[in-house]
Amino acid sequence: MATQASGLVEGKTCIVTGGAGSIGLATVRALLAEGAKVMLVDLDTDKLEHTVRELGTDNAAFVAADVTDAAQTRNYVEETVARWGKIDVLFSNAGNDGGPLMPITEYPEDLFD
């Protein structure tokens, strides 16, 4: 039996980094099902384009970007705001380099760079 979306993020603007990967795409689908507008961010333009076309909704768009690059990060944020207004949710899901696993509050700032 299908469940009806509860609309927890209805009308909200979300960014999902790593949006073309398995966890990212599953998250994108869940957010869209809840009524969100979602900007997918990933490195692979072709994969992003294909994914957004497959999603088949005006509530999904993409920006190809390297999230480790500050200028590219500013760009996808600006593109999202220009398209849908303020950002309500950021799911920072882009892959990491296999660094240490620890709570975000304890993660060394230099490793983010």
PDB file of N, CA and C in Angstrom:
ATOM      1  N   MET A   1       0.829  -1.158   0.000  1.00  0.00           N
ATOM      2  CA  MET A   1       0.000   0.000   0.000  1.00  0.00           C
ATOM      3  C   MET A   1       0.890   1.242   0.000  1.00  0.00           C
ATOM      4  N   ALA A   2       0.626   2.190  -0.894  1.00  0.00           N
ATOM      5  CA  ALA A   2       1.411   3.421  -0.982  1.00  0.00           C
ATOM      6  C   ALA A   2       1.008   4.356   0.155  1.00  0.00           C
ATOM      7  N   THR A   3       1.998   5.045   0.687  1.00  0.00           N
ATOM      8  CA  THR A   3       1.696   6.017   1.722  1.00  0.00           C
ATOM      9  C   THR A   3       1.671   7.398   1.097  1.00  0.00           C
ATOM     10  N   GLN A   4       0.853   8.269   1.642  1.00  0.00           N
ATOM     11  CA  GLN A   4       0.750   9.623   1.141  1.00  0.00           C
ATOM     12  C   GLN A   4       1.834  10.472   1.796  1.00  0.00           C
ATOM     13  N   ALA A   5       2.419  11.360   1.003  1.00  0.00           N
ATOM     14  CA  ALA A   5       3.452  12.246   1.525  1.00  0.00           C
ATOM     15  C   ALA A   5       2.864  13.143   2.614  1.00  0.00           C
ATOM     16  N   SER A   6       3.655  13.389   3.634  1.00  0.00           N
ATOM     17  CA  SER A   6       3.185  14.223   4.733  1.00  0.00           C
ATOM     18  C   SER A   6       3.540  15.684   4.530  1.00  0.00           C
ATOM     19  N   GLY A   7       4.325  16.003   3.501  1.00  0.00           N
ATOM     20  CA  GLY A   7       4.627  17.390   3.185  1.00  0.00           C
ATOM     21  C   GLY A   7       5.508  18.096   4.191  1.00  0.00           C
ATOM     22  N   LEU A   8       6.387  17.365   4.849  1.00  0.00           N
ATOM     23  CA  LEU A   8       7.244  17.971   5.867  1.00  0.00           C
ATOM     24  C   LEU A   8       8.111  19.095   5.321  1.00  0.00           C
ATOM     25  N   VAL A   9       8.452  19.035   4.050  1.00  0.00           N
ATOM     26  CA  VAL A   9       9.266  20.086   3.444  1.00  0.00           C
ATOM     27  C   VAL A   9       8.527  20.740   2.269  1.00  0.00           C
ATOM     28  N   GLU A  10       7.231  20.685   2.304  1.00  0.00           N
ATOM     29  CA  GLU A  10       6.385  21.270   1.258  1.00  0.00           C
ATOM     30  C   GLU A  10       6.781  22.720   1.003  1.00  0.00           C
ATOM     31  N   GLY A  11       7.137  23.013  -0.250  1.00  0.00           N
ATOM     32  CA  GLY A  11       7.489  24.369  -0.633  1.00  0.00           C
ATOM     33  C   GLY A  11       8.862  24.830  -0.181  1.00  0.00           C
ATOM     34  N   LYS A  12       9.608  24.002   0.507  1.00  0.00           N
ATOM     35  CA  LYS A  12      10.944  24.358   0.982  1.00  0.00           C
ATOM     36  C   LYS A  12      11.966  24.170  -0.134  1.00  0.00           C
ATOM     37  N   THR A  13      13.032  24.945  -0.069  1.00  0.00           N
ATOM     38  CA  THR A  13      14.122  24.848  -1.033  1.00  0.00           C
ATOM     39  C   THR A  13      15.275  24.096  -0.389  1.00  0.00           C
ATOM     40  N   CYS A  14      15.720  23.044  -1.071  1.00  0.00           N
ATOM     41  CA  CYS A  14      16.761  22.168  -0.537  1.00  0.00           C
ATOM     42  C   CYS A  14      17.920  22.055  -1.525  1.00  0.00           C
ATOM     43  N   ILE A  15      19.109  21.893  -0.990  1.00  0.00           N
ATOM     44  CA  ILE A  15      20.296  21.567  -1.780  1.00  0.00           C
ATOM     45  C   ILE A  15      20.778  20.206  -1.302  1.00  0.00           C
ATOM     46  N   VAL A  16      21.083  19.324  -2.262  1.00  0.00           N
ATOM     47  CA  VAL A  16      21.651  18.020  -1.926  1.00  0.00           C
ATOM     48  C   VAL A  16      22.966  17.887  -2.673  1.00  0.00           C
ATOM     49  N   THR A  17      24.086  17.933  -1.931  1.00  0.00           N
ATOM     50  CA  THR A  17      25.376  17.690  -2.570  1.00  0.00           C
ATOM     51  C   THR A  17      25.549  16.182  -2.688  1.00  0.00           C
ATOM     52  N   GLY A  18      26.294  15.766  -3.704  1.00  0.00           N
ATOM     53  CA  GLY A  18      26.377  14.343  -3.993  1.00  0.00           C
ATOM     54  C   GLY A  18      25.025  13.858  -4.509  1.00  0.00           C
ATOM     55  N   GLY A  19      24.282  14.761  -5.131  1.00  0.00           N
ATOM     56  CA  GLY A  19      22.907  14.508  -5.529  1.00  0.00           C
ATOM     57  C   GLY A  19      22.709  13.475  -6.620  1.00  0.00           C
ATOM     58  N   ALA A  20      23.746  13.142  -7.351  1.00  0.00           N
ATOM     59  CA  ALA A  20      23.612  12.141  -8.410  1.00  0.00           C
ATOM     60  C   ALA A  20      24.026  10.747  -7.955  1.00  0.00           C
ATOM     61  N   GLY A  21      24.518  10.630  -6.733  1.00  0.00           N
ATOM     62  CA  GLY A  21      24.924   9.330  -6.200  1.00  0.00           C
ATOM     63  C   GLY A  21      23.749   8.606  -5.564  1.00  0.00           C
ATOM     64  N   SER A  22      23.995   7.426  -5.058  1.00  0.00           N
ATOM     65  CA  SER A  22      22.910   6.585  -4.550  1.00  0.00           C
ATOM     66  C   SER A  22      22.187   7.191  -3.343  1.00  0.00           C
ATOM     67  N   ILE A  23      22.903   7.588  -2.314  1.00  0.00           N
ATOM     68  CA  ILE A  23      22.271   8.175  -1.137  1.00  0.00           C
ATOM     69  C   ILE A  23      21.687   9.539  -1.478  1.00  0.00           C
ATOM     70  N   GLY A  24      22.438  10.329  -2.238  1.00  0.00           N
ATOM     71  CA  GLY A  24      21.958  11.649  -2.635  1.00  0.00           C
ATOM     72  C   GLY A  24      20.676  11.572  -3.437  1.00  0.00           C
ATOM     73  N   LEU A  25      20.632  10.685  -4.422  1.00  0.00           N
ATOM     74  CA  LEU A  25      19.446  10.568  -5.265  1.00  0.00           C
ATOM     75  C   LEU A  25      18.244  10.044  -4.470  1.00  0.00           C
ATOM     76  N   ALA A  26      18.476   9.109  -3.573  1.00  0.00           N
ATOM     77  CA  ALA A  26      17.381   8.628  -2.724  1.00  0.00           C
ATOM     78  C   ALA A  26      16.834   9.776  -1.877  1.00  0.00           C
ATOM     79  N   THR A  27      17.712  10.625  -1.390  1.00  0.00           N
ATOM     80  CA  THR A  27      17.300  11.781  -0.599  1.00  0.00           C
ATOM     81  C   THR A  27      16.528  12.771  -1.461  1.00  0.00           C
ATOM     82  N   VAL A  28      17.020  13.013  -2.674  1.00  0.00           N
ATOM     83  CA  VAL A  28      16.329  13.906  -3.605  1.00  0.00           C
ATOM     84  C   VAL A  28      14.909  13.411  -3.845  1.00  0.00           C
ATOM     85  N   ARG A  29      14.771  12.128  -4.133  1.00  0.00           N
ATOM     86  CA  ARG A  29      13.437  11.559  -4.388  1.00  0.00           C
ATOM     87  C   ARG A  29      12.521  11.733  -3.165  1.00  0.00           C
ATOM     88  N   ALA A  30      13.061  11.503  -1.973  1.00  0.00           N
ATOM     89  CA  ALA A  30      12.257  11.651  -0.753  1.00  0.00           C
ATOM     90  C   ALA A  30      11.839  13.108  -0.554  1.00  0.00           C
ATOM     91  N   LEU A  31      12.747  14.034  -0.775  1.00  0.00           N
ATOM     92  CA  LEU A  31      12.421  15.457  -0.623  1.00  0.00           C
ATOM     93  C   LEU A  31      11.368  15.891  -1.638  1.00  0.00           C
ATOM     94  N   LEU A  32      11.520  15.456  -2.878  1.00  0.00           N
ATOM     95  CA  LEU A  32      10.529  15.794  -3.904  1.00  0.00           C
ATOM     96  C   LEU A  32       9.158  15.222  -3.545  1.00  0.00           C
ATOM     97  N   ALA A  33       9.136  14.000  -3.035  1.00  0.00           N
ATOM     98  CA  ALA A  33       7.878  13.367  -2.645  1.00  0.00           C
ATOM     99  C   ALA A  33       7.189  14.124  -1.516  1.00  0.00           C
ATOM    100  N   GLU A  34       7.982  14.839  -0.719  1.00  0.00           N
ATOM    101  CA  GLU A  34       7.444  15.625   0.390  1.00  0.00           C
ATOM    102  C   GLU A  34       7.101  17.054  -0.031  1.00  0.00           C
ATOM    103  N   GLY A  35       7.267  17.368  -1.320  1.00  0.00           N
ATOM    104  CA  GLY A  35       6.864  18.679  -1.818  1.00  0.00           C
ATOM    105  C   GLY A  35       7.953  19.737  -1.893  1.00  0.00           C
ATOM    106  N   ALA A  36       9.218  19.332  -1.774  1.00  0.00           N
ATOM    107  CA  ALA A  36      10.332  20.282  -1.815  1.00  0.00           C
ATOM    108  C   ALA A  36      10.754  20.602  -3.244  1.00  0.00           C
ATOM    109  N   LYS A  37      11.499  21.691  -3.356  1.00  0.00           N
ATOM    110  CA  LYS A  37      12.227  22.044  -4.573  1.00  0.00           C
ATOM    111  C   LYS A  37      13.678  21.710  -4.276  1.00  0.00           C
ATOM    112  N   VAL A  38      14.348  20.983  -5.173  1.00  0.00           N
ATOM    113  CA  VAL A  38      15.663  20.444  -4.845  1.00  0.00           C
ATOM    114  C   VAL A  38      16.693  20.768  -5.917  1.00  0.00           C
ATOM    115  N   MET A  39      17.809  21.338  -5.473  1.00  0.00           N
ATOM    116  CA  MET A  39      18.966  21.568  -6.331  1.00  0.00           C
ATOM    117  C   MET A  39      19.950  20.431  -6.082  1.00  0.00           C
ATOM    118  N   LEU A  40      20.225  19.656  -7.130  1.00  0.00           N
ATOM    119  CA  LEU A  40      21.208  18.572  -7.048  1.00  0.00           C
ATOM    120  C   LEU A  40      22.571  19.149  -7.392  1.00  0.00           C
ATOM    121  N   VAL A  41      23.559  18.833  -6.584  1.00  0.00           N
ATOM    122  CA  VAL A  41      24.928  19.280  -6.824  1.00  0.00           C
ATOM    123  C   VAL A  41      25.811  18.047  -6.855  1.00  0.00           C
ATOM    124  N   ASP A  42      26.640  17.953  -7.897  1.00  0.00           N
ATOM    125  CA  ASP A  42      27.563  16.828  -8.041  1.00  0.00           C
ATOM    126  C   ASP A  42      28.613  17.252  -9.053  1.00  0.00           C
ATOM    127  N   LEU A  43      29.599  16.424  -9.263  1.00  0.00           N
ATOM    128  CA  LEU A  43      30.669  16.737 -10.210  1.00  0.00           C
ATOM    129  C   LEU A  43      30.324  16.428 -11.664  1.00  0.00           C
ATOM    130  N   ASP A  44      29.546  15.408 -11.906  1.00  0.00           N
ATOM    131  CA  ASP A  44      29.305  14.876 -13.245  1.00  0.00           C
ATOM    132  C   ASP A  44      28.090  15.530 -13.905  1.00  0.00           C
ATOM    133  N   THR A  45      28.342  16.488 -14.795  1.00  0.00           N
ATOM    134  CA  THR A  45      27.268  17.216 -15.467  1.00  0.00           C
ATOM    135  C   THR A  45      26.340  16.287 -16.236  1.00  0.00           C
ATOM    136  N   ASP A  46      26.903  15.341 -16.979  1.00  0.00           N
ATOM    137  CA  ASP A  46      26.074  14.429 -17.769  1.00  0.00           C
ATOM    138  C   ASP A  46      25.141  13.608 -16.881  1.00  0.00           C
ATOM    139  N   LYS A  47      25.675  13.094 -15.786  1.00  0.00           N
ATOM    140  CA  LYS A  47      24.864  12.291 -14.873  1.00  0.00           C
ATOM    141  C   LYS A  47      23.779  13.154 -14.222  1.00  0.00           C
ATOM    142  N   LEU A  48      24.128  14.367 -13.841  1.00  0.00           N
ATOM    143  CA  LEU A  48      23.149  15.282 -13.254  1.00  0.00           C
ATOM    144  C   LEU A  48      22.038  15.595 -14.249  1.00  0.00           C
ATOM    145  N   GLU A  49      22.420  15.919 -15.458  1.00  0.00           N
ATOM    146  CA  GLU A  49      21.442  16.251 -16.495  1.00  0.00           C
ATOM    147  C   GLU A  49      20.485  15.085 -16.732  1.00  0.00           C
ATOM    148  N   HIS A  50      21.042  13.892 -16.851  1.00  0.00           N
ATOM    149  CA  HIS A  50      20.230  12.692 -17.052  1.00  0.00           C
ATOM    150  C   HIS A  50      19.301  12.465 -15.865  1.00  0.00           C
ATOM    151  N   THR A  51      19.819  12.612 -14.667  1.00  0.00           N
ATOM    152  CA  THR A  51      19.047  12.369 -13.453  1.00  0.00           C
ATOM    153  C   THR A  51      17.881  13.343 -13.347  1.00  0.00           C
ATOM    154  N   VAL A  52      18.135  14.627 -13.568  1.00  0.00           N
ATOM    155  CA  VAL A  52      17.069  15.622 -13.463  1.00  0.00           C
ATOM    156  C   VAL A  52      16.020  15.406 -14.549  1.00  0.00           C
ATOM    157  N   ARG A  53      16.464  15.059 -15.742  1.00  0.00           N
ATOM    158  CA  ARG A  53      15.519  14.766 -16.823  1.00  0.00           C
ATOM    159  C   ARG A  53      14.645  13.563 -16.438  1.00  0.00           C
ATOM    160  N   GLU A  54      15.269  12.537 -15.861  1.00  0.00           N
ATOM    161  CA  GLU A  54      14.545  11.339 -15.437  1.00  0.00           C
ATOM    162  C   GLU A  54      13.549  11.636 -14.316  1.00  0.00           C
ATOM    163  N   LEU A  55      13.889  12.557 -13.428  1.00  0.00           N
ATOM    164  CA  LEU A  55      12.986  12.923 -12.337  1.00  0.00           C
ATOM    165  C   LEU A  55      11.716  13.570 -12.893  1.00  0.00           C
ATOM    166  N   GLY A  56      11.856  14.284 -14.010  1.00  0.00           N
ATOM    167  CA  GLY A  56      10.700  14.811 -14.719  1.00  0.00           C
ATOM    168  C   GLY A  56       9.856  15.826 -13.972  1.00  0.00           C
ATOM    169  N   THR A  57      10.487  16.719 -13.240  1.00  0.00           N
ATOM    170  CA  THR A  57       9.747  17.737 -12.504  1.00  0.00           C
ATOM    171  C   THR A  57      10.491  19.065 -12.555  1.00  0.00           C
ATOM    172  N   ASP A  58       9.731  20.154 -12.553  1.00  0.00           N
ATOM    173  CA  ASP A  58      10.328  21.489 -12.489  1.00  0.00           C
ATOM    174  C   ASP A  58      10.855  21.799 -11.095  1.00  0.00           C
ATOM    175  N   ASN A  59      10.569  20.932 -10.142  1.00  0.00           N
ATOM    176  CA  ASN A  59      11.032  21.126  -8.768  1.00  0.00           C
ATOM    177  C   ASN A  59      12.416  20.548  -8.524  1.00  0.00           C
ATOM    178  N   ALA A  60      13.070  20.066  -9.581  1.00  0.00           N
ATOM    179  CA  ALA A  60      14.449  19.573  -9.470  1.00  0.00           C
ATOM    180  C   ALA A  60      15.294  20.254 -10.539  1.00  0.00           C
ATOM    181  N   ALA A  61      16.468  20.691 -10.131  1.00  0.00           N
ATOM    182  CA  ALA A  61      17.426  21.313 -11.046  1.00  0.00           C
ATOM    183  C   ALA A  61      18.815  20.886 -10.587  1.00  0.00           C
ATOM    184  N   PHE A  62      19.831  21.275 -11.354  1.00  0.00           N
ATOM    185  CA  PHE A  62      21.185  20.879 -10.966  1.00  0.00           C
ATOM    186  C   PHE A  62      22.207  21.955 -11.271  1.00  0.00           C
ATOM    187  N   VAL A  63      23.301  21.868 -10.534  1.00  0.00           N
ATOM    188  CA  VAL A  63      24.510  22.649 -10.790  1.00  0.00           C
ATOM    189  C   VAL A  63      25.676  21.698 -10.588  1.00  0.00           C
ATOM    190  N   ALA A  64      26.524  21.585 -11.598  1.00  0.00           N
ATOM    191  CA  ALA A  64      27.739  20.781 -11.446  1.00  0.00           C
ATOM    192  C   ALA A  64      28.754  21.617 -10.673  1.00  0.00           C
ATOM    193  N   ALA A  65      29.308  21.037  -9.624  1.00  0.00           N
ATOM    194  CA  ALA A  65      30.262  21.770  -8.793  1.00  0.00           C
ATOM    195  C   ALA A  65      31.109  20.820  -7.972  1.00  0.00           C
ATOM    196  N   ASP A  66      32.297  21.316  -7.667  1.00  0.00           N
ATOM    197  CA  ASP A  66      33.201  20.653  -6.734  1.00  0.00           C
ATOM    198  C   ASP A  66      32.996  21.340  -5.390  1.00  0.00           C
ATOM    199  N   VAL A  67      32.432  20.642  -4.430  1.00  0.00           N
ATOM    200  CA  VAL A  67      32.093  21.262  -3.149  1.00  0.00           C
ATOM    201  C   VAL A  67      33.315  21.641  -2.318  1.00  0.00           C
ATOM    202  N   THR A  68      34.493  21.215  -2.740  1.00  0.00           N
ATOM    203  CA  THR A  68      35.708  21.619  -2.023  1.00  0.00           C
ATOM    204  C   THR A  68      36.230  22.957  -2.524  1.00  0.00           C
ATOM    205  N   ASP A  69      35.612  23.511  -3.553  1.00  0.00           N
ATOM    206  CA  ASP A  69      36.020  24.786  -4.131  1.00  0.00           C
ATOM    207  C   ASP A  69      35.042  25.871  -3.681  1.00  0.00           C
ATOM    208  N   ALA A  70      35.547  26.868  -2.951  1.00  0.00           N
ATOM    209  CA  ALA A  70      34.674  27.900  -2.373  1.00  0.00           C
ATOM    210  C   ALA A  70      33.898  28.668  -3.442  1.00  0.00           C
ATOM    211  N   ALA A  71      34.535  28.998  -4.551  1.00  0.00           N
ATOM    212  CA  ALA A  71      33.856  29.753  -5.615  1.00  0.00           C
ATOM    213  C   ALA A  71      32.718  28.929  -6.218  1.00  0.00           C
ATOM    214  N   GLN A  72      32.954  27.641  -6.430  1.00  0.00           N
ATOM    215  CA  GLN A  72      31.907  26.787  -6.985  1.00  0.00           C
ATOM    216  C   GLN A  72      30.772  26.591  -5.976  1.00  0.00           C
ATOM    217  N   THR A  73      31.116  26.535  -4.705  1.00  0.00           N
ATOM    218  CA  THR A  73      30.096  26.432  -3.667  1.00  0.00           C
ATOM    219  C   THR A  73      29.239  27.691  -3.646  1.00  0.00           C
ATOM    220  N   ARG A  74      29.877  28.861  -3.687  1.00  0.00           N
ATOM    221  CA  ARG A  74      29.113  30.113  -3.751  1.00  0.00           C
ATOM    222  C   ARG A  74      28.181  30.104  -4.962  1.00  0.00           C
ATOM    223  N   ASN A  75      28.682  29.593  -6.087  1.00  0.00           N
ATOM    224  CA  ASN A  75      27.896  29.575  -7.312  1.00  0.00           C
ATOM    225  C   ASN A  75      26.633  28.723  -7.167  1.00  0.00           C
ATOM    226  N   TYR A  76      26.753  27.494  -6.622  1.00  0.00           N
ATOM    227  CA  TYR A  76      25.538  26.672  -6.539  1.00  0.00           C
ATOM    228  C   TYR A  76      24.550  27.228  -5.521  1.00  0.00           C
ATOM    229  N   VAL A  77      25.059  27.886  -4.486  1.00  0.00           N
ATOM    230  CA  VAL A  77      24.162  28.545  -3.540  1.00  0.00           C
ATOM    231  C   VAL A  77      23.443  29.702  -4.238  1.00  0.00           C
ATOM    232  N   GLU A  78      24.191  30.531  -4.958  1.00  0.00           N
ATOM    233  CA  GLU A  78      23.592  31.662  -5.671  1.00  0.00           C
ATOM    234  C   GLU A  78      22.596  31.201  -6.732  1.00  0.00           C
ATOM    235  N   GLU A  79      22.917  30.124  -7.449  1.00  0.00           N
ATOM    236  CA  GLU A  79      22.006  29.587  -8.466  1.00  0.00           C
ATOM    237  C   GLU A  79      20.701  29.106  -7.833  1.00  0.00           C
ATOM    238  N   THR A  80      20.816  28.480  -6.684  1.00  0.00           N
ATOM    239  CA  THR A  80      19.629  27.982  -5.986  1.00  0.00           C
ATOM    240  C   THR A  80      18.757  29.143  -5.528  1.00  0.00           C
ATOM    241  N   VAL A  81      19.360  30.130  -4.914  1.00  0.00           N
ATOM    242  CA  VAL A  81      18.615  31.294  -4.427  1.00  0.00           C
ATOM    243  C   VAL A  81      17.971  32.044  -5.596  1.00  0.00           C
ATOM    244  N   ALA A  82      18.687  32.191  -6.696  1.00  0.00           N
ATOM    245  CA  ALA A  82      18.137  32.880  -7.864  1.00  0.00           C
ATOM    246  C   ALA A  82      16.924  32.135  -8.422  1.00  0.00           C
ATOM    247  N   ARG A  83      16.954  30.831  -8.360  1.00  0.00           N
ATOM    248  CA  ARG A  83      15.874  30.018  -8.923  1.00  0.00           C
ATOM    249  C   ARG A  83      14.655  29.950  -8.004  1.00  0.00           C
ATOM    250  N   TRP A  84      14.881  29.725  -6.686  1.00  0.00           N
ATOM    251  CA  TRP A  84      13.765  29.447  -5.782  1.00  0.00           C
ATOM    252  C   TRP A  84      13.714  30.303  -4.514  1.00  0.00           C
ATOM    253  N   GLY A  85      14.654  31.181  -4.314  1.00  0.00           N
ATOM    254  CA  GLY A  85      14.642  31.985  -3.087  1.00  0.00           C
ATOM    255  C   GLY A  85      15.487  31.358  -2.001  1.00  0.00           C
ATOM    256  N   LYS A  86      15.180  31.707  -0.778  1.00  0.00           N
ATOM    257  CA  LYS A  86      16.030  31.277   0.342  1.00  0.00           C
ATOM    258  C   LYS A  86      16.150  29.757   0.422  1.00  0.00           C
ATOM    259  N   ILE A  87      17.254  29.330   0.992  1.00  0.00           N
ATOM    260  CA  ILE A  87      17.529  27.902   1.162  1.00  0.00           C
ATOM    261  C   ILE A  87      17.082  27.491   2.558  1.00  0.00           C
ATOM    262  N   ASP A  88      16.297  26.422   2.601  1.00  0.00           N
ATOM    263  CA  ASP A  88      15.783  25.930   3.876  1.00  0.00           C
ATOM    264  C   ASP A  88      16.537  24.719   4.394  1.00  0.00           C
ATOM    265  N   VAL A  89      17.058  23.895   3.467  1.00  0.00           N
ATOM    266  CA  VAL A  89      17.706  22.637   3.849  1.00  0.00           C
ATOM    267  C   VAL A  89      18.966  22.449   3.020  1.00  0.00           C
ATOM    268  N   LEU A  90      20.040  22.071   3.676  1.00  0.00           N
ATOM    269  CA  LEU A  90      21.269  21.673   2.987  1.00  0.00           C
ATOM    270  C   LEU A  90      21.635  20.276   3.484  1.00  0.00           C
ATOM    271  N   PHE A  91      21.631  19.327   2.547  1.00  0.00           N
ATOM    272  CA  PHE A  91      22.083  17.978   2.874  1.00  0.00           C
ATOM    273  C   PHE A  91      23.475  17.842   2.279  1.00  0.00           C
ATOM    274  N   SER A  92      24.479  17.963   3.122  1.00  0.00           N
ATOM    275  CA  SER A  92      25.877  17.917   2.707  1.00  0.00           C
ATOM    276  C   SER A  92      26.307  16.465   2.615  1.00  0.00           C
ATOM    277  N   ASN A  93      26.136  15.897   1.446  1.00  0.00           N
ATOM    278  CA  ASN A  93      26.277  14.467   1.239  1.00  0.00           C
ATOM    279  C   ASN A  93      27.422  14.097   0.303  1.00  0.00           C
ATOM    280  N   ALA A  94      28.112  15.094  -0.227  1.00  0.00           N
ATOM    281  CA  ALA A  94      29.189  14.802  -1.171  1.00  0.00           C
ATOM    282  C   ALA A  94      30.227  13.909  -0.507  1.00  0.00           C
ATOM    283  N   GLY A  95      30.826  13.039  -1.303  1.00  0.00           N
ATOM    284  CA  GLY A  95      31.802  12.072  -0.789  1.00  0.00           C
ATOM    285  C   GLY A  95      32.960  12.733  -0.066  1.00  0.00           C
ATOM    286  N   ASN A  96      33.583  11.969   0.789  1.00  0.00           N
ATOM    287  CA  ASN A  96      34.762  12.490   1.476  1.00  0.00           C
ATOM    288  C   ASN A  96      35.971  11.662   1.075  1.00  0.00           C
ATOM    289  N   ASP A  97      37.111  12.063   1.552  1.00  0.00           N
ATOM    290  CA  ASP A  97      38.355  11.393   1.159  1.00  0.00           C
ATOM    291  C   ASP A  97      38.752  10.266   2.110  1.00  0.00           C
ATOM    292  N   GLY A  98      37.808   9.816   2.906  1.00  0.00           N
ATOM    293  CA  GLY A  98      38.128   8.738   3.832  1.00  0.00           C
ATOM    294  C   GLY A  98      38.794   9.228   5.104  1.00  0.00           C
ATOM    295  N   GLY A  99      38.589  10.512   5.407  1.00  0.00           N
ATOM    296  CA  GLY A  99      39.153  11.076   6.622  1.00  0.00           C
ATOM    297  C   GLY A  99      38.533  10.456   7.865  1.00  0.00           C
ATOM    298  N   PRO A 100      38.872  10.980   9.016  1.00  0.00           N
ATOM    299  CA  PRO A 100      38.380  10.411  10.269  1.00  0.00           C
ATOM    300  C   PRO A 100      36.865  10.560  10.409  1.00  0.00           C
ATOM    301  N   LEU A 101      36.252   9.582  11.045  1.00  0.00           N
ATOM    302  CA  LEU A 101      34.829   9.648  11.340  1.00  0.00           C
ATOM    303  C   LEU A 101      34.669  10.114  12.777  1.00  0.00           C
ATOM    304  N   MET A 102      33.941  11.210  12.931  1.00  0.00           N
ATOM    305  CA  MET A 102      33.707  11.765  14.264  1.00  0.00           C
ATOM    306  C   MET A 102      32.539  12.727  14.191  1.00  0.00           C
ATOM    307  N   PRO A 103      31.976  13.090  15.308  1.00  0.00           N
ATOM    308  CA  PRO A 103      30.877  14.058  15.298  1.00  0.00           C
ATOM    309  C   PRO A 103      31.315  15.366  14.635  1.00  0.00           C
ATOM    310  N   ILE A 104      30.395  15.985  13.911  1.00  0.00           N
ATOM    311  CA  ILE A 104      30.700  17.211  13.175  1.00  0.00           C
ATOM    312  C   ILE A 104      31.243  18.306  14.094  1.00  0.00           C
ATOM    313  N   THR A 105      30.780  18.346  15.326  1.00  0.00           N
ATOM    314  CA  THR A 105      31.227  19.370  16.265  1.00  0.00           C
ATOM    315  C   THR A 105      32.682  19.193  16.679  1.00  0.00           C
ATOM    316  N   GLU A 106      33.234  18.003  16.446  1.00  0.00           N
ATOM    317  CA  GLU A 106      34.621  17.726  16.821  1.00  0.00           C
ATOM    318  C   GLU A 106      35.555  17.668  15.611  1.00  0.00           C
ATOM    319  N   TYR A 107      34.992  17.779  14.410  1.00  0.00           N
ATOM    320  CA  TYR A 107      35.783  17.623  13.192  1.00  0.00           C
ATOM    321  C   TYR A 107      36.713  18.814  13.011  1.00  0.00           C
ATOM    322  N   PRO A 108      38.007  18.595  12.791  1.00  0.00           N
ATOM    323  CA  PRO A 108      38.965  19.682  12.646  1.00  0.00           C
ATOM    324  C   PRO A 108      38.659  20.546  11.414  1.00  0.00           C
ATOM    325  N   GLU A 109      38.621  21.846  11.609  1.00  0.00           N
ATOM    326  CA  GLU A 109      38.266  22.765  10.531  1.00  0.00           C
ATOM    327  C   GLU A 109      39.192  22.647   9.338  1.00  0.00           C
ATOM    328  N   ASP A 110      40.468  22.412   9.548  1.00  0.00           N
ATOM    329  CA  ASP A 110      41.413  22.323   8.431  1.00  0.00           C
ATOM    330  C   ASP A 110      41.108  21.132   7.509  1.00  0.00           C
ATOM    331  N   LEU A 111      40.471  20.086   8.040  1.00  0.00           N
ATOM    332  CA  LEU A 111      40.105  18.937   7.198  1.00  0.00           C
ATOM    333  C   LEU A 111      38.943  19.276   6.272  1.00  0.00           C
ATOM    334  N   PHE A 112      38.083  20.228   6.654  1.00  0.00           N
ATOM    335  CA  PHE A 112      37.023  20.667   5.765  1.00  0.00           C
ATOM    336  C   PHE A 112      37.622  21.328   4.532  1.00  0.00           C
ATOM    337  N   ASP A 113      38.677  22.106   4.724  1.00  0.00           N
ATOM    338  CA  ASP A 113      39.325  22.788   3.596  1.00  0.00           C
ATOM    339  C   ASP A 113      40.000  21.798   2.680  1.00  0.00           C
TER     340      ASP A 113
END
